[in-house]
Amino acid sequence: MTFGEEKPFTLTVSNPGSGDAEKVMLSVIAGSSPPQQFDAGSIPAGHKKEVPLAVVASQAGSIDLQ
């Protein structure tokens, strides 16, 4: 990626449990930036959900996403 370029990613969140997961929140940390939270909504028991995430390059070098 070049500086300022936006790249889409897809996070896959799963609920392997036997009960529905409601109000699921994701926390994503990119490099040294503060965490950003995303609402993933509800995930039924035994299902997966894809959550889109766009990352914008704001520094040189590699950036770890956690």
N, C-alpha and C. Protein backbone atom coordinates (compact mmCIF):
# COMPACT_ATOMS: atom_id res chain seq x y z
N MET A 1 0.84 -1.18 0.00
CA MET A 1 0.00 0.00 0.00
C MET A 1 0.89 1.24 0.00
N THR A 2 0.40 2.28 -0.60
CA THR A 2 1.11 3.55 -0.55
C THR A 2 0.42 4.46 0.46
N PHE A 3 1.14 5.49 0.89
CA PHE A 3 0.60 6.41 1.89
C PHE A 3 -0.74 6.97 1.42
N GLY A 4 -1.74 6.91 2.29
CA GLY A 4 -3.07 7.42 1.98
C GLY A 4 -3.97 6.44 1.26
N GLU A 5 -3.42 5.32 0.80
CA GLU A 5 -4.22 4.32 0.09
C GLU A 5 -5.11 3.57 1.07
N GLU A 6 -6.33 3.29 0.66
CA GLU A 6 -7.26 2.52 1.48
C GLU A 6 -7.36 1.10 0.93
N LYS A 7 -7.31 0.12 1.82
CA LYS A 7 -7.40 -1.28 1.40
C LYS A 7 -8.49 -1.97 2.22
N PRO A 8 -9.41 -2.64 1.53
CA PRO A 8 -10.47 -3.35 2.26
C PRO A 8 -10.00 -4.72 2.76
N PHE A 9 -10.44 -5.07 3.94
CA PHE A 9 -10.20 -6.39 4.54
C PHE A 9 -11.54 -6.93 5.00
N THR A 10 -11.60 -8.21 5.22
CA THR A 10 -12.80 -8.84 5.77
C THR A 10 -12.40 -9.65 6.99
N LEU A 11 -12.99 -9.33 8.12
CA LEU A 11 -12.77 -10.08 9.36
C LEU A 11 -13.88 -11.13 9.47
N THR A 12 -13.51 -12.35 9.80
CA THR A 12 -14.51 -13.40 10.01
C THR A 12 -14.59 -13.69 11.51
N VAL A 13 -15.79 -13.53 12.05
CA VAL A 13 -16.03 -13.75 13.47
C VAL A 13 -16.95 -14.96 13.60
N SER A 14 -16.58 -15.88 14.49
CA SER A 14 -17.41 -17.08 14.63
C SER A 14 -17.95 -17.21 16.05
N ASN A 15 -19.07 -17.88 16.14
CA ASN A 15 -19.69 -18.19 17.43
C ASN A 15 -19.82 -19.71 17.51
N PRO A 16 -18.81 -20.38 18.08
CA PRO A 16 -18.87 -21.85 18.16
C PRO A 16 -19.75 -22.36 19.31
N GLY A 17 -20.31 -21.44 20.07
CA GLY A 17 -21.11 -21.83 21.24
C GLY A 17 -22.49 -22.35 20.88
N SER A 18 -23.26 -22.66 21.91
CA SER A 18 -24.60 -23.21 21.71
C SER A 18 -25.69 -22.15 21.88
N GLY A 19 -25.31 -20.93 22.20
CA GLY A 19 -26.28 -19.83 22.34
C GLY A 19 -25.91 -18.68 21.42
N ASP A 20 -26.90 -17.90 21.03
CA ASP A 20 -26.66 -16.75 20.17
C ASP A 20 -25.82 -15.70 20.90
N ALA A 21 -24.91 -15.06 20.17
CA ALA A 21 -24.10 -13.96 20.72
C ALA A 21 -24.71 -12.66 20.23
N GLU A 22 -25.14 -11.81 21.14
CA GLU A 22 -25.77 -10.55 20.78
C GLU A 22 -24.87 -9.38 21.13
N LYS A 23 -25.02 -8.30 20.39
CA LYS A 23 -24.25 -7.06 20.62
C LYS A 23 -22.75 -7.32 20.61
N VAL A 24 -22.28 -8.07 19.61
CA VAL A 24 -20.86 -8.41 19.48
C VAL A 24 -20.08 -7.17 19.04
N MET A 25 -19.03 -6.83 19.77
CA MET A 25 -18.18 -5.70 19.44
C MET A 25 -16.78 -6.21 19.13
N LEU A 26 -16.15 -5.66 18.10
CA LEU A 26 -14.78 -5.99 17.74
C LEU A 26 -13.89 -4.80 18.05
N SER A 27 -12.71 -5.06 18.54
CA SER A 27 -11.72 -4.02 18.79
C SER A 27 -10.51 -4.30 17.92
N VAL A 28 -10.15 -3.33 17.08
CA VAL A 28 -9.04 -3.50 16.13
C VAL A 28 -7.99 -2.45 16.40
N ILE A 29 -6.73 -2.90 16.49
CA ILE A 29 -5.60 -1.99 16.69
C ILE A 29 -4.71 -2.10 15.45
N ALA A 30 -4.44 -0.96 14.81
CA ALA A 30 -3.57 -0.90 13.62
C ALA A 30 -2.32 -0.13 13.99
N GLY A 31 -1.20 -0.86 14.07
CA GLY A 31 0.06 -0.21 14.42
C GLY A 31 0.01 0.42 15.79
N SER A 32 0.39 1.70 15.88
CA SER A 32 0.40 2.39 17.17
C SER A 32 -0.85 3.24 17.38
N SER A 33 -1.84 3.11 16.51
CA SER A 33 -3.08 3.87 16.63
C SER A 33 -3.90 3.34 17.80
N PRO A 34 -4.76 4.19 18.37
CA PRO A 34 -5.64 3.71 19.44
C PRO A 34 -6.65 2.69 18.90
N PRO A 35 -7.16 1.82 19.73
CA PRO A 35 -8.12 0.81 19.28
C PRO A 35 -9.39 1.45 18.71
N GLN A 36 -9.93 0.83 17.67
CA GLN A 36 -11.21 1.26 17.11
C GLN A 36 -12.19 0.13 17.30
N GLN A 37 -13.41 0.46 17.69
CA GLN A 37 -14.42 -0.56 17.93
C GLN A 37 -15.43 -0.58 16.80
N PHE A 38 -15.86 -1.80 16.46
CA PHE A 38 -16.83 -2.02 15.40
C PHE A 38 -17.95 -2.90 15.93
N ASP A 39 -19.17 -2.57 15.57
CA ASP A 39 -20.33 -3.35 15.97
C ASP A 39 -20.55 -4.46 14.96
N ALA A 40 -20.44 -5.71 15.41
CA ALA A 40 -20.66 -6.87 14.54
C ALA A 40 -22.08 -7.38 14.64
N GLY A 41 -22.88 -6.77 15.51
CA GLY A 41 -24.28 -7.19 15.64
C GLY A 41 -24.41 -8.52 16.36
N SER A 42 -25.35 -9.32 15.94
CA SER A 42 -25.61 -10.63 16.54
C SER A 42 -25.07 -11.74 15.65
N ILE A 43 -24.59 -12.81 16.31
CA ILE A 43 -24.09 -13.98 15.58
C ILE A 43 -24.79 -15.20 16.17
N PRO A 44 -25.61 -15.87 15.37
CA PRO A 44 -26.31 -17.06 15.87
C PRO A 44 -25.33 -18.16 16.27
N ALA A 45 -25.78 -19.02 17.17
CA ALA A 45 -24.97 -20.15 17.63
C ALA A 45 -24.53 -20.99 16.44
N GLY A 46 -23.22 -21.34 16.42
CA GLY A 46 -22.68 -22.19 15.39
C GLY A 46 -22.47 -21.53 14.03
N HIS A 47 -22.58 -20.21 13.98
CA HIS A 47 -22.43 -19.51 12.70
C HIS A 47 -21.22 -18.59 12.70
N LYS A 48 -20.90 -18.10 11.49
CA LYS A 48 -19.83 -17.13 11.29
C LYS A 48 -20.43 -15.90 10.63
N LYS A 49 -19.74 -14.78 10.82
CA LYS A 49 -20.19 -13.53 10.20
C LYS A 49 -18.97 -12.80 9.66
N GLU A 50 -19.08 -12.26 8.45
CA GLU A 50 -18.00 -11.48 7.88
C GLU A 50 -18.26 -10.00 8.14
N VAL A 51 -17.21 -9.31 8.61
CA VAL A 51 -17.32 -7.89 8.92
C VAL A 51 -16.29 -7.15 8.07
N PRO A 52 -16.76 -6.21 7.22
CA PRO A 52 -15.80 -5.47 6.38
C PRO A 52 -15.01 -4.46 7.21
N LEU A 53 -13.75 -4.26 6.84
CA LEU A 53 -12.87 -3.31 7.53
C LEU A 53 -11.98 -2.65 6.48
N ALA A 54 -11.95 -1.32 6.46
CA ALA A 54 -11.08 -0.59 5.54
C ALA A 54 -9.92 -0.01 6.34
N VAL A 55 -8.70 -0.20 5.84
CA VAL A 55 -7.48 0.30 6.49
C VAL A 55 -6.82 1.29 5.56
N VAL A 56 -6.44 2.45 6.11
CA VAL A 56 -5.76 3.48 5.33
C VAL A 56 -4.31 3.56 5.80
N ALA A 57 -3.37 3.48 4.86
CA ALA A 57 -1.95 3.55 5.19
C ALA A 57 -1.61 4.97 5.65
N SER A 58 -1.15 5.10 6.89
CA SER A 58 -0.84 6.43 7.42
C SER A 58 0.59 6.53 7.94
N GLN A 59 1.38 5.49 7.71
CA GLN A 59 2.78 5.51 8.13
C GLN A 59 3.59 4.58 7.23
N ALA A 60 4.88 4.79 7.21
CA ALA A 60 5.76 3.95 6.38
C ALA A 60 6.03 2.63 7.10
N GLY A 61 6.35 1.59 6.33
CA GLY A 61 6.71 0.30 6.90
C GLY A 61 5.49 -0.58 7.10
N SER A 62 5.71 -1.72 7.74
CA SER A 62 4.62 -2.66 7.96
C SER A 62 3.77 -2.22 9.15
N ILE A 63 2.51 -2.60 9.09
CA ILE A 63 1.56 -2.28 10.16
C ILE A 63 0.89 -3.58 10.58
N ASP A 64 0.97 -3.89 11.86
CA ASP A 64 0.30 -5.09 12.37
C ASP A 64 -1.12 -4.74 12.77
N LEU A 65 -2.05 -5.60 12.38
CA LEU A 65 -3.44 -5.46 12.81
C LEU A 65 -3.67 -6.50 13.91
N GLN A 66 -4.24 -6.04 14.99
CA GLN A 66 -4.56 -6.95 16.10
C GLN A 66 -6.02 -6.83 16.42
